[in-house]
Amino acid sequence: MSPDSAAAPTRLELQTHAVEDATVIQCIGRLTAEHSDALKTHVRGVIPHAKRIVLDLREIHRMDSSGLGAIVAVYISARKGNCEFLLVNYNKSVRDLLGLTNLLSVFEACAQTGTRIP
């Protein structure tokens, strides 16, 4: 195990707060199979009360295909609920995963690494 992986959180923490007209959900830790249902449940609970949801991935240290599936699922739920969904501050590995799955174009317009939260 590398020193970096020992310091990375092994769970997912979700912190929600309002910024102007958006509900920002900051994701901290790992967005993997063990935690994808928690993200879906949390975001779907916010959708009825929000016009705009910003998922901030600045502190995601690892994401797998289940995490990606959870993001796509909440994106679809948000669209169905007439709620704008933005993905911001994702790192290179998340960007690469989005690119491999041809989803980068869906999220790229609203998020580049280092993008300021709207």
PDB file of N, CA and C in Angstrom:
ATOM      1  N   MET A   1       0.850  -1.180   0.000  1.00  0.00           N
ATOM      2  CA  MET A   1       0.000   0.000   0.000  1.00  0.00           C
ATOM      3  C   MET A   1       0.890   1.236   0.000  1.00  0.00           C
ATOM      4  N   SER A   2       0.591   2.172  -0.855  1.00  0.00           N
ATOM      5  CA  SER A   2       1.387   3.392  -0.925  1.00  0.00           C
ATOM      6  C   SER A   2       0.992   4.339   0.203  1.00  0.00           C
ATOM      7  N   PRO A   3       1.873   5.250   0.587  1.00  0.00           N
ATOM      8  CA  PRO A   3       1.543   6.215   1.633  1.00  0.00           C
ATOM      9  C   PRO A   3       0.333   7.067   1.281  1.00  0.00           C
ATOM     10  N   ASP A   4       0.161   7.393  -0.011  1.00  0.00           N
ATOM     11  CA  ASP A   4      -0.981   8.215  -0.421  1.00  0.00           C
ATOM     12  C   ASP A   4      -2.302   7.498  -0.206  1.00  0.00           C
ATOM     13  N   SER A   5      -2.341   6.197  -0.518  1.00  0.00           N
ATOM     14  CA  SER A   5      -3.605   5.477  -0.366  1.00  0.00           C
ATOM     15  C   SER A   5      -3.963   5.286   1.097  1.00  0.00           C
ATOM     16  N   ALA A   6      -2.975   5.238   1.987  1.00  0.00           N
ATOM     17  CA  ALA A   6      -3.260   5.108   3.408  1.00  0.00           C
ATOM     18  C   ALA A   6      -3.924   6.376   3.943  1.00  0.00           C
ATOM     19  N   ALA A   7      -3.609   7.526   3.362  1.00  0.00           N
ATOM     20  CA  ALA A   7      -4.163   8.790   3.825  1.00  0.00           C
ATOM     21  C   ALA A   7      -5.533   9.086   3.219  1.00  0.00           C
ATOM     22  N   ALA A   8      -5.873   8.457   2.111  1.00  0.00           N
ATOM     23  CA  ALA A   8      -7.148   8.718   1.442  1.00  0.00           C
ATOM     24  C   ALA A   8      -8.299   8.092   2.230  1.00  0.00           C
ATOM     25  N   PRO A   9      -9.406   8.814   2.376  1.00  0.00           N
ATOM     26  CA  PRO A   9     -10.553   8.267   3.085  1.00  0.00           C
ATOM     27  C   PRO A   9     -11.095   7.015   2.389  1.00  0.00           C
ATOM     28  N   THR A  10     -11.608   6.076   3.177  1.00  0.00           N
ATOM     29  CA  THR A  10     -12.165   4.844   2.618  1.00  0.00           C
ATOM     30  C   THR A  10     -13.685   4.895   2.586  1.00  0.00           C
ATOM     31  N   ARG A  11     -14.256   6.023   2.885  1.00  0.00           N
ATOM     32  CA  ARG A  11     -15.708   6.171   2.863  1.00  0.00           C
ATOM     33  C   ARG A  11     -16.081   7.390   2.038  1.00  0.00           C
ATOM     34  N   LEU A  12     -17.370   7.605   1.897  1.00  0.00           N
ATOM     35  CA  LEU A  12     -17.867   8.773   1.184  1.00  0.00           C
ATOM     36  C   LEU A  12     -18.603   9.662   2.170  1.00  0.00           C
ATOM     37  N   GLU A  13     -18.219  10.923   2.193  1.00  0.00           N
ATOM     38  CA  GLU A  13     -18.898  11.914   3.018  1.00  0.00           C
ATOM     39  C   GLU A  13     -19.541  12.921   2.082  1.00  0.00           C
ATOM     40  N   LEU A  14     -20.782  13.276   2.345  1.00  0.00           N
ATOM     41  CA  LEU A  14     -21.516  14.231   1.515  1.00  0.00           C
ATOM     42  C   LEU A  14     -21.889  15.436   2.367  1.00  0.00           C
ATOM     43  N   GLN A  15     -21.451  16.603   1.947  1.00  0.00           N
ATOM     44  CA  GLN A  15     -21.771  17.844   2.650  1.00  0.00           C
ATOM     45  C   GLN A  15     -22.587  18.717   1.711  1.00  0.00           C
ATOM     46  N   THR A  16     -23.756  19.125   2.165  1.00  0.00           N
ATOM     47  CA  THR A  16     -24.677  19.898   1.335  1.00  0.00           C
ATOM     48  C   THR A  16     -24.834  21.304   1.902  1.00  0.00           C
ATOM     49  N   HIS A  17     -24.738  22.286   1.020  1.00  0.00           N
ATOM     50  CA  HIS A  17     -24.958  23.669   1.413  1.00  0.00           C
ATOM     51  C   HIS A  17     -25.458  24.472   0.213  1.00  0.00           C
ATOM     52  N   ALA A  18     -26.057  25.608   0.499  1.00  0.00           N
ATOM     53  CA  ALA A  18     -26.588  26.466  -0.557  1.00  0.00           C
ATOM     54  C   ALA A  18     -25.578  27.547  -0.902  1.00  0.00           C
ATOM     55  N   VAL A  19     -25.433  27.797  -2.197  1.00  0.00           N
ATOM     56  CA  VAL A  19     -24.593  28.879  -2.711  1.00  0.00           C
ATOM     57  C   VAL A  19     -25.419  29.575  -3.786  1.00  0.00           C
ATOM     58  N   GLU A  20     -25.808  30.809  -3.502  1.00  0.00           N
ATOM     59  CA  GLU A  20     -26.674  31.573  -4.398  1.00  0.00           C
ATOM     60  C   GLU A  20     -27.905  30.747  -4.744  1.00  0.00           C
ATOM     61  N   ASP A  21     -28.113  30.439  -6.033  1.00  0.00           N
ATOM     62  CA  ASP A  21     -29.317  29.710  -6.444  1.00  0.00           C
ATOM     63  C   ASP A  21     -29.073  28.208  -6.585  1.00  0.00           C
ATOM     64  N   ALA A  22     -27.964  27.720  -6.049  1.00  0.00           N
ATOM     65  CA  ALA A  22     -27.614  26.306  -6.225  1.00  0.00           C
ATOM     66  C   ALA A  22     -27.517  25.581  -4.891  1.00  0.00           C
ATOM     67  N   THR A  23     -27.787  24.289  -4.949  1.00  0.00           N
ATOM     68  CA  THR A  23     -27.515  23.406  -3.828  1.00  0.00           C
ATOM     69  C   THR A  23     -26.239  22.661  -4.189  1.00  0.00           C
ATOM     70  N   VAL A  24     -25.198  22.884  -3.412  1.00  0.00           N
ATOM     71  CA  VAL A  24     -23.899  22.278  -3.677  1.00  0.00           C
ATOM     72  C   VAL A  24     -23.740  21.052  -2.786  1.00  0.00           C
ATOM     73  N   ILE A  25     -23.402  19.939  -3.418  1.00  0.00           N
ATOM     74  CA  ILE A  25     -23.138  18.714  -2.677  1.00  0.00           C
ATOM     75  C   ILE A  25     -21.660  18.402  -2.880  1.00  0.00           C
ATOM     76  N   GLN A  26     -20.915  18.547  -1.806  1.00  0.00           N
ATOM     77  CA  GLN A  26     -19.484  18.281  -1.856  1.00  0.00           C
ATOM     78  C   GLN A  26     -19.256  16.818  -1.486  1.00  0.00           C
ATOM     79  N   CYS A  27     -18.567  16.100  -2.366  1.00  0.00           N
ATOM     80  CA  CYS A  27     -18.276  14.687  -2.157  1.00  0.00           C
ATOM     81  C   CYS A  27     -16.836  14.549  -1.691  1.00  0.00           C
ATOM     82  N   ILE A  28     -16.642  13.816  -0.603  1.00  0.00           N
ATOM     83  CA  ILE A  28     -15.314  13.661  -0.018  1.00  0.00           C
ATOM     84  C   ILE A  28     -15.047  12.174   0.180  1.00  0.00           C
ATOM     85  N   GLY A  29     -13.954  11.702  -0.369  1.00  0.00           N
ATOM     86  CA  GLY A  29     -13.559  10.308  -0.160  1.00  0.00           C
ATOM     87  C   GLY A  29     -13.599   9.485  -1.425  1.00  0.00           C
ATOM     88  N   ARG A  30     -14.285   8.350  -1.344  1.00  0.00           N
ATOM     89  CA  ARG A  30     -14.334   7.388  -2.448  1.00  0.00           C
ATOM     90  C   ARG A  30     -15.763   7.251  -2.959  1.00  0.00           C
ATOM     91  N   LEU A  31     -15.912   7.336  -4.247  1.00  0.00           N
ATOM     92  CA  LEU A  31     -17.208   7.123  -4.885  1.00  0.00           C
ATOM     93  C   LEU A  31     -17.110   5.799  -5.631  1.00  0.00           C
ATOM     94  N   THR A  32     -17.334   4.729  -4.882  1.00  0.00           N
ATOM     95  CA  THR A  32     -17.173   3.374  -5.399  1.00  0.00           C
ATOM     96  C   THR A  32     -18.440   2.571  -5.150  1.00  0.00           C
ATOM     97  N   ALA A  33     -18.423   1.307  -5.515  1.00  0.00           N
ATOM     98  CA  ALA A  33     -19.601   0.440  -5.405  1.00  0.00           C
ATOM     99  C   ALA A  33     -20.217   0.469  -4.003  1.00  0.00           C
ATOM    100  N   GLU A  34     -19.360   0.515  -2.975  1.00  0.00           N
ATOM    101  CA  GLU A  34     -19.878   0.524  -1.597  1.00  0.00           C
ATOM    102  C   GLU A  34     -20.667   1.780  -1.270  1.00  0.00           C
ATOM    103  N   HIS A  35     -20.419   2.864  -1.992  1.00  0.00           N
ATOM    104  CA  HIS A  35     -20.991   4.156  -1.624  1.00  0.00           C
ATOM    105  C   HIS A  35     -21.920   4.763  -2.666  1.00  0.00           C
ATOM    106  N   SER A  36     -22.073   4.121  -3.799  1.00  0.00           N
ATOM    107  CA  SER A  36     -22.862   4.732  -4.876  1.00  0.00           C
ATOM    108  C   SER A  36     -24.336   4.890  -4.498  1.00  0.00           C
ATOM    109  N   ASP A  37     -24.894   3.930  -3.756  1.00  0.00           N
ATOM    110  CA  ASP A  37     -26.295   4.056  -3.346  1.00  0.00           C
ATOM    111  C   ASP A  37     -26.502   5.245  -2.409  1.00  0.00           C
ATOM    112  N   ALA A  38     -25.517   5.516  -1.559  1.00  0.00           N
ATOM    113  CA  ALA A  38     -25.623   6.663  -0.645  1.00  0.00           C
ATOM    114  C   ALA A  38     -25.704   7.967  -1.433  1.00  0.00           C
ATOM    115  N   LEU A  39     -24.893   8.088  -2.486  1.00  0.00           N
ATOM    116  CA  LEU A  39     -24.940   9.294  -3.318  1.00  0.00           C
ATOM    117  C   LEU A  39     -26.301   9.420  -3.992  1.00  0.00           C
ATOM    118  N   LYS A  40     -26.783   8.343  -4.591  1.00  0.00           N
ATOM    119  CA  LYS A  40     -28.074   8.405  -5.289  1.00  0.00           C
ATOM    120  C   LYS A  40     -29.198   8.795  -4.327  1.00  0.00           C
ATOM    121  N   THR A  41     -29.230   8.186  -3.160  1.00  0.00           N
ATOM    122  CA  THR A  41     -30.273   8.488  -2.183  1.00  0.00           C
ATOM    123  C   THR A  41     -30.209   9.943  -1.739  1.00  0.00           C
ATOM    124  N   HIS A  42     -29.014  10.412  -1.460  1.00  0.00           N
ATOM    125  CA  HIS A  42     -28.837  11.788  -0.984  1.00  0.00           C
ATOM    126  C   HIS A  42     -29.268  12.805  -2.046  1.00  0.00           C
ATOM    127  N   VAL A  43     -28.758  12.655  -3.249  1.00  0.00           N
ATOM    128  CA  VAL A  43     -29.066  13.626  -4.305  1.00  0.00           C
ATOM    129  C   VAL A  43     -30.545  13.573  -4.673  1.00  0.00           C
ATOM    130  N   ARG A  44     -31.107  12.401  -4.768  1.00  0.00           N
ATOM    131  CA  ARG A  44     -32.538  12.301  -5.109  1.00  0.00           C
ATOM    132  C   ARG A  44     -33.412  12.931  -4.044  1.00  0.00           C
ATOM    133  N   GLY A  45     -32.945  12.960  -2.806  1.00  0.00           N
ATOM    134  CA  GLY A  45     -33.682  13.637  -1.741  1.00  0.00           C
ATOM    135  C   GLY A  45     -33.631  15.149  -1.855  1.00  0.00           C
ATOM    136  N   VAL A  46     -32.607  15.654  -2.515  1.00  0.00           N
ATOM    137  CA  VAL A  46     -32.430  17.098  -2.684  1.00  0.00           C
ATOM    138  C   VAL A  46     -33.194  17.623  -3.907  1.00  0.00           C
ATOM    139  N   ILE A  47     -33.340  16.801  -4.923  1.00  0.00           N
ATOM    140  CA  ILE A  47     -33.920  17.240  -6.208  1.00  0.00           C
ATOM    141  C   ILE A  47     -35.264  17.952  -6.069  1.00  0.00           C
ATOM    142  N   PRO A  48     -36.212  17.456  -5.281  1.00  0.00           N
ATOM    143  CA  PRO A  48     -37.509  18.149  -5.224  1.00  0.00           C
ATOM    144  C   PRO A  48     -37.437  19.567  -4.661  1.00  0.00           C
ATOM    145  N   HIS A  49     -36.352  19.885  -3.946  1.00  0.00           N
ATOM    146  CA  HIS A  49     -36.235  21.185  -3.294  1.00  0.00           C
ATOM    147  C   HIS A  49     -35.236  22.112  -3.975  1.00  0.00           C
ATOM    148  N   ALA A  50     -34.668  21.679  -5.086  1.00  0.00           N
ATOM    149  CA  ALA A  50     -33.611  22.464  -5.732  1.00  0.00           C
ATOM    150  C   ALA A  50     -33.918  22.692  -7.207  1.00  0.00           C
ATOM    151  N   LYS A  51     -33.495  23.830  -7.700  1.00  0.00           N
ATOM    152  CA  LYS A  51     -33.583  24.101  -9.136  1.00  0.00           C
ATOM    153  C   LYS A  51     -32.258  23.797  -9.819  1.00  0.00           C
ATOM    154  N   ARG A  52     -31.195  23.794  -9.009  1.00  0.00           N
ATOM    155  CA  ARG A  52     -29.856  23.588  -9.549  1.00  0.00           C
ATOM    156  C   ARG A  52     -29.028  22.823  -8.515  1.00  0.00           C
ATOM    157  N   ILE A  53     -28.462  21.703  -8.936  1.00  0.00           N
ATOM    158  CA  ILE A  53     -27.595  20.918  -8.063  1.00  0.00           C
ATOM    159  C   ILE A  53     -26.197  20.913  -8.658  1.00  0.00           C
ATOM    160  N   VAL A  54     -25.227  21.221  -7.813  1.00  0.00           N
ATOM    161  CA  VAL A  54     -23.827  21.207  -8.220  1.00  0.00           C
ATOM    162  C   VAL A  54     -23.134  20.107  -7.415  1.00  0.00           C
ATOM    163  N   LEU A  55     -22.632  19.106  -8.107  1.00  0.00           N
ATOM    164  CA  LEU A  55     -21.901  18.022  -7.467  1.00  0.00           C
ATOM    165  C   LEU A  55     -20.415  18.354  -7.566  1.00  0.00           C
ATOM    166  N   ASP A  56     -19.818  18.658  -6.428  1.00  0.00           N
ATOM    167  CA  ASP A  56     -18.409  19.063  -6.365  1.00  0.00           C
ATOM    168  C   ASP A  56     -17.552  17.840  -6.036  1.00  0.00           C
ATOM    169  N   LEU A  57     -16.717  17.436  -6.982  1.00  0.00           N
ATOM    170  CA  LEU A  57     -15.894  16.232  -6.823  1.00  0.00           C
ATOM    171  C   LEU A  57     -14.441  16.560  -6.487  1.00  0.00           C
ATOM    172  N   ARG A  58     -14.165  17.752  -6.024  1.00  0.00           N
ATOM    173  CA  ARG A  58     -12.795  18.182  -5.733  1.00  0.00           C
ATOM    174  C   ARG A  58     -12.072  17.203  -4.807  1.00  0.00           C
ATOM    175  N   GLU A  59     -12.774  16.631  -3.836  1.00  0.00           N
ATOM    176  CA  GLU A  59     -12.123  15.777  -2.848  1.00  0.00           C
ATOM    177  C   GLU A  59     -12.443  14.292  -3.027  1.00  0.00           C
ATOM    178  N   ILE A  60     -12.811  13.905  -4.231  1.00  0.00           N
ATOM    179  CA  ILE A  60     -12.975  12.476  -4.531  1.00  0.00           C
ATOM    180  C   ILE A  60     -11.597  11.918  -4.858  1.00  0.00           C
ATOM    181  N   HIS A  61     -11.198  10.900  -4.105  1.00  0.00           N
ATOM    182  CA  HIS A  61      -9.871  10.309  -4.275  1.00  0.00           C
ATOM    183  C   HIS A  61      -9.895   9.079  -5.154  1.00  0.00           C
ATOM    184  N   ARG A  62     -11.073   8.476  -5.290  1.00  0.00           N
ATOM    185  CA  ARG A  62     -11.195   7.294  -6.144  1.00  0.00           C
ATOM    186  C   ARG A  62     -12.642   7.169  -6.586  1.00  0.00           C
ATOM    187  N   MET A  63     -12.822   6.833  -7.867  1.00  0.00           N
ATOM    188  CA  MET A  63     -14.156   6.584  -8.391  1.00  0.00           C
ATOM    189  C   MET A  63     -14.073   5.394  -9.324  1.00  0.00           C
ATOM    190  N   ASP A  64     -15.036   4.475  -9.197  1.00  0.00           N
ATOM    191  CA  ASP A  64     -15.079   3.326 -10.095  1.00  0.00           C
ATOM    192  C   ASP A  64     -16.331   3.417 -10.965  1.00  0.00           C
ATOM    193  N   SER A  65     -16.605   2.360 -11.719  1.00  0.00           N
ATOM    194  CA  SER A  65     -17.742   2.375 -12.648  1.00  0.00           C
ATOM    195  C   SER A  65     -19.080   2.501 -11.919  1.00  0.00           C
ATOM    196  N   SER A  66     -19.178   1.992 -10.699  1.00  0.00           N
ATOM    197  CA  SER A  66     -20.414   2.147  -9.926  1.00  0.00           C
ATOM    198  C   SER A  66     -20.627   3.596  -9.531  1.00  0.00           C
ATOM    199  N   GLY A  67     -19.549   4.280  -9.192  1.00  0.00           N
ATOM    200  CA  GLY A  67     -19.640   5.706  -8.885  1.00  0.00           C
ATOM    201  C   GLY A  67     -20.073   6.499 -10.101  1.00  0.00           C
ATOM    202  N   LEU A  68     -19.505   6.142 -11.246  1.00  0.00           N
ATOM    203  CA  LEU A  68     -19.901   6.789 -12.499  1.00  0.00           C
ATOM    204  C   LEU A  68     -21.377   6.523 -12.789  1.00  0.00           C
ATOM    205  N   GLY A  69     -21.807   5.291 -12.580  1.00  0.00           N
ATOM    206  CA  GLY A  69     -23.215   4.953 -12.781  1.00  0.00           C
ATOM    207  C   GLY A  69     -24.123   5.750 -11.862  1.00  0.00           C
ATOM    208  N   ALA A  70     -23.679   5.985 -10.629  1.00  0.00           N
ATOM    209  CA  ALA A  70     -24.470   6.776  -9.681  1.00  0.00           C
ATOM    210  C   ALA A  70     -24.603   8.217 -10.160  1.00  0.00           C
ATOM    211  N   ILE A  71     -23.522   8.770 -10.683  1.00  0.00           N
ATOM    212  CA  ILE A  71     -23.569  10.143 -11.203  1.00  0.00           C
ATOM    213  C   ILE A  71     -24.528  10.237 -12.386  1.00  0.00           C
ATOM    214  N   VAL A  72     -24.471   9.271 -13.276  1.00  0.00           N
ATOM    215  CA  VAL A  72     -25.384   9.265 -14.431  1.00  0.00           C
ATOM    216  C   VAL A  72     -26.830   9.119 -13.951  1.00  0.00           C
ATOM    217  N   ALA A  73     -27.055   8.262 -12.965  1.00  0.00           N
ATOM    218  CA  ALA A  73     -28.415   8.052 -12.447  1.00  0.00           C
ATOM    219  C   ALA A  73     -28.978   9.334 -11.833  1.00  0.00           C
ATOM    220  N   VAL A  74     -28.171  10.066 -11.057  1.00  0.00           N
ATOM    221  CA  VAL A  74     -28.692  11.292 -10.453  1.00  0.00           C
ATOM    222  C   VAL A  74     -28.828  12.407 -11.490  1.00  0.00           C
ATOM    223  N   TYR A  75     -27.991  12.381 -12.512  1.00  0.00           N
ATOM    224  CA  TYR A  75     -28.137  13.330 -13.617  1.00  0.00           C
ATOM    225  C   TYR A  75     -29.500  13.126 -14.296  1.00  0.00           C
ATOM    226  N   ILE A  76     -29.844  11.873 -14.556  1.00  0.00           N
ATOM    227  CA  ILE A  76     -31.130  11.559 -15.191  1.00  0.00           C
ATOM    228  C   ILE A  76     -32.290  11.943 -14.277  1.00  0.00           C
ATOM    229  N   SER A  77     -32.163  11.632 -12.988  1.00  0.00           N
ATOM    230  CA  SER A  77     -33.218  11.997 -12.031  1.00  0.00           C
ATOM    231  C   SER A  77     -33.397  13.505 -11.965  1.00  0.00           C
ATOM    232  N   ALA A  78     -32.294  14.239 -11.983  1.00  0.00           N
ATOM    233  CA  ALA A  78     -32.376  15.698 -11.945  1.00  0.00           C
ATOM    234  C   ALA A  78     -33.078  16.232 -13.185  1.00  0.00           C
ATOM    235  N   ARG A  79     -32.706  15.713 -14.336  1.00  0.00           N
ATOM    236  CA  ARG A  79     -33.347  16.154 -15.581  1.00  0.00           C
ATOM    237  C   ARG A  79     -34.850  15.903 -15.547  1.00  0.00           C
ATOM    238  N   LYS A  80     -35.233  14.724 -15.068  1.00  0.00           N
ATOM    239  CA  LYS A  80     -36.667  14.395 -14.975  1.00  0.00           C
ATOM    240  C   LYS A  80     -37.381  15.303 -13.988  1.00  0.00           C
ATOM    241  N   GLY A  81     -36.665  15.775 -12.980  1.00  0.00           N
ATOM    242  CA  GLY A  81     -37.251  16.658 -11.976  1.00  0.00           C
ATOM    243  C   GLY A  81     -37.111  18.133 -12.305  1.00  0.00           C
ATOM    244  N   ASN A  82     -36.785  18.449 -13.571  1.00  0.00           N
ATOM    245  CA  ASN A  82     -36.583  19.835 -14.015  1.00  0.00           C
ATOM    246  C   ASN A  82     -35.571  20.569 -13.145  1.00  0.00           C
ATOM    247  N   CYS A  83     -34.509  19.875 -12.829  1.00  0.00           N
ATOM    248  CA  CYS A  83     -33.456  20.422 -11.992  1.00  0.00           C
ATOM    249  C   CYS A  83     -32.151  20.388 -12.786  1.00  0.00           C
ATOM    250  N   GLU A  84     -31.464  21.515 -12.864  1.00  0.00           N
ATOM    251  CA  GLU A  84     -30.182  21.564 -13.560  1.00  0.00           C
ATOM    252  C   GLU A  84     -29.151  20.808 -12.721  1.00  0.00           C
ATOM    253  N   PHE A  85     -28.307  20.035 -13.374  1.00  0.00           N
ATOM    254  CA  PHE A  85     -27.287  19.235 -12.684  1.00  0.00           C
ATOM    255  C   PHE A  85     -25.921  19.551 -13.262  1.00  0.00           C
ATOM    256  N   LEU A  86     -25.015  20.000 -12.405  1.00  0.00           N
ATOM    257  CA  LEU A  86     -23.668  20.347 -12.829  1.00  0.00           C
ATOM    258  C   LEU A  86     -22.651  19.506 -12.065  1.00  0.00           C
ATOM    259  N   LEU A  87     -21.610  19.135 -12.746  1.00  0.00           N
ATOM    260  CA  LEU A  87     -20.509  18.373 -12.164  1.00  0.00           C
ATOM    261  C   LEU A  87     -19.283  19.277 -12.223  1.00  0.00           C
ATOM    262  N   VAL A  88     -18.671  19.578 -11.076  1.00  0.00           N
ATOM    263  CA  VAL A  88     -17.534  20.493 -11.058  1.00  0.00           C
ATOM    264  C   VAL A  88     -16.349  19.912 -10.306  1.00  0.00           C
ATOM    265  N   ASN A  89     -15.187  20.468 -10.629  1.00  0.00           N
ATOM    266  CA  ASN A  89     -13.941  20.207  -9.916  1.00  0.00           C
ATOM    267  C   ASN A  89     -13.524  18.744  -9.894  1.00  0.00           C
ATOM    268  N   TYR A  90     -13.721  18.063 -11.002  1.00  0.00           N
ATOM    269  CA  TYR A  90     -13.266  16.676 -11.028  1.00  0.00           C
ATOM    270  C   TYR A  90     -11.804  16.607 -11.436  1.00  0.00           C
ATOM    271  N   ASN A  91     -11.118  15.585 -10.946  1.00  0.00           N
ATOM    272  CA  ASN A  91      -9.688  15.443 -11.219  1.00  0.00           C
ATOM    273  C   ASN A  91      -9.444  14.710 -12.537  1.00  0.00           C
ATOM    274  N   LYS A  92      -8.177  14.524 -12.865  1.00  0.00           N
ATOM    275  CA  LYS A  92      -7.803  13.913 -14.138  1.00  0.00           C
ATOM    276  C   LYS A  92      -8.310  12.478 -14.254  1.00  0.00           C
ATOM    277  N   SER A  93      -8.260  11.700 -13.190  1.00  0.00           N
ATOM    278  CA  SER A  93      -8.716  10.306 -13.295  1.00  0.00           C
ATOM    279  C   SER A  93     -10.224  10.227 -13.542  1.00  0.00           C
ATOM    280  N   VAL A  94     -10.997  11.123 -12.934  1.00  0.00           N
ATOM    281  CA  VAL A  94     -12.442  11.159 -13.188  1.00  0.00           C
ATOM    282  C   VAL A  94     -12.689  11.631 -14.618  1.00  0.00           C
ATOM    283  N   ARG A  95     -11.943  12.624 -15.042  1.00  0.00           N
ATOM    284  CA  ARG A  95     -12.068  13.115 -16.422  1.00  0.00           C
ATOM    285  C   ARG A  95     -11.758  11.995 -17.415  1.00  0.00           C
ATOM    286  N   ASP A  96     -10.716  11.235 -17.143  1.00  0.00           N
ATOM    287  CA  ASP A  96     -10.356  10.117 -18.018  1.00  0.00           C
ATOM    288  C   ASP A  96     -11.471   9.071 -18.060  1.00  0.00           C
ATOM    289  N   LEU A  97     -12.066   8.771 -16.910  1.00  0.00           N
ATOM    290  CA  LEU A  97     -13.168   7.808 -16.862  1.00  0.00           C
ATOM    291  C   LEU A  97     -14.373   8.317 -17.659  1.00  0.00           C
ATOM    292  N   LEU A  98     -14.685   9.596 -17.519  1.00  0.00           N
ATOM    293  CA  LEU A  98     -15.775  10.185 -18.302  1.00  0.00           C
ATOM    294  C   LEU A  98     -15.468  10.116 -19.797  1.00  0.00           C
ATOM    295  N   GLY A  99     -14.223  10.339 -20.157  1.00  0.00           N
ATOM    296  CA  GLY A  99     -13.819  10.277 -21.556  1.00  0.00           C
ATOM    297  C   GLY A  99     -13.903   8.869 -22.118  1.00  0.00           C
ATOM    298  N   LEU A 100     -13.460   7.890 -21.352  1.00  0.00           N
ATOM    299  CA  LEU A 100     -13.508   6.491 -21.795  1.00  0.00           C
ATOM    300  C   LEU A 100     -14.928   6.020 -22.069  1.00  0.00           C
ATOM    301  N   THR A 101     -15.868   6.551 -21.311  1.00  0.00           N
ATOM    302  CA  THR A 101     -17.258   6.126 -21.442  1.00  0.00           C
ATOM    303  C   THR A 101     -18.081   7.056 -22.326  1.00  0.00           C
ATOM    304  N   ASN A 102     -17.404   7.986 -22.986  1.00  0.00           N
ATOM    305  CA  ASN A 102     -18.062   8.957 -23.863  1.00  0.00           C
ATOM    306  C   ASN A 102     -19.085   9.832 -23.140  1.00  0.00           C
ATOM    307  N   LEU A 103     -18.880  10.056 -21.862  1.00  0.00           N
ATOM    308  CA  LEU A 103     -19.766  10.925 -21.089  1.00  0.00           C
ATOM    309  C   LEU A 103     -19.156  12.303 -20.852  1.00  0.00           C
ATOM    310  N   LEU A 104     -17.928  12.481 -21.264  1.00  0.00           N
ATOM    311  CA  LEU A 104     -17.251  13.750 -21.021  1.00  0.00           C
ATOM    312  C   LEU A 104     -18.007  14.911 -21.646  1.00  0.00           C
ATOM    313  N   SER A 105     -18.529  14.716 -22.839  1.00  0.00           N
ATOM    314  CA  SER A 105     -19.254  15.810 -23.500  1.00  0.00           C
ATOM    315  C   SER A 105     -20.520  16.201 -22.745  1.00  0.00           C
ATOM    316  N   VAL A 106     -21.107  15.279 -22.007  1.00  0.00           N
ATOM    317  CA  VAL A 106     -22.309  15.584 -21.226  1.00  0.00           C
ATOM    318  C   VAL A 106     -21.967  16.532 -20.082  1.00  0.00           C
ATOM    319  N   PHE A 107     -20.818  16.303 -19.442  1.00  0.00           N
ATOM    320  CA  PHE A 107     -20.456  17.064 -18.261  1.00  0.00           C
ATOM    321  C   PHE A 107     -19.377  18.114 -18.472  1.00  0.00           C
ATOM    322  N   GLU A 108     -18.666  18.069 -19.597  1.00  0.00           N
ATOM    323  CA  GLU A 108     -17.522  18.954 -19.788  1.00  0.00           C
ATOM    324  C   GLU A 108     -17.887  20.427 -19.815  1.00  0.00           C
ATOM    325  N   ALA A 109     -18.993  20.780 -20.365  1.00  0.00           N
ATOM    326  CA  ALA A 109     -19.360  22.187 -20.465  1.00  0.00           C
ATOM    327  C   ALA A 109     -19.497  22.840 -19.100  1.00  0.00           C
ATOM    328  N   CYS A 110     -19.837  22.067 -18.089  1.00  0.00           N
ATOM    329  CA  CYS A 110     -20.062  22.651 -16.775  1.00  0.00           C
ATOM    330  C   CYS A 110     -18.931  22.398 -15.797  1.00  0.00           C
ATOM    331  N   ALA A 111     -17.910  21.639 -16.185  1.00  0.00           N
ATOM    332  CA  ALA A 111     -16.880  21.350 -15.184  1.00  0.00           C
ATOM    333  C   ALA A 111     -15.528  21.057 -15.809  1.00  0.00           C
ATOM    334  N   GLN A 112     -14.590  21.832 -15.423  1.00  0.00           N
ATOM    335  CA  GLN A 112     -13.194  21.593 -15.742  1.00  0.00           C
ATOM    336  C   GLN A 112     -12.482  21.579 -14.394  1.00  0.00           C
ATOM    337  N   THR A 113     -11.406  20.846 -14.297  1.00  0.00           N
ATOM    338  CA  THR A 113     -10.658  20.874 -13.054  1.00  0.00           C
ATOM    339  C   THR A 113     -10.315  22.316 -12.724  1.00  0.00           C
ATOM    340  N   GLY A 114     -10.635  22.688 -11.515  1.00  0.00           N
ATOM    341  CA  GLY A 114     -10.358  24.059 -11.089  1.00  0.00           C
ATOM    342  C   GLY A 114     -11.500  25.021 -11.323  1.00  0.00           C
ATOM    343  N   THR A 115     -12.604  24.565 -11.898  1.00  0.00           N
ATOM    344  CA  THR A 115     -13.746  25.448 -12.129  1.00  0.00           C
ATOM    345  C   THR A 115     -14.301  25.910 -10.791  1.00  0.00           C
ATOM    346  N   ARG A 116     -14.613  27.164 -10.690  1.00  0.00           N
ATOM    347  CA  ARG A 116     -15.191  27.722  -9.485  1.00  0.00           C
ATOM    348  C   ARG A 116     -16.639  27.277  -9.391  1.00  0.00           C
ATOM    349  N   ILE A 117     -17.071  26.968  -8.188  1.00  0.00           N
ATOM    350  CA  ILE A 117     -18.457  26.575  -7.999  1.00  0.00           C
ATOM    351  C   ILE A 117     -19.345  27.769  -8.331  1.00  0.00           C
ATOM    352  N   PRO A 118     -20.336  27.550  -9.197  1.00  0.00           N
ATOM    353  CA  PRO A 118     -21.225  28.663  -9.565  1.00  0.00           C
ATOM    354  C   PRO A 118     -21.958  29.230  -8.367  1.00  0.00           C
TER     355      PRO A 118
END
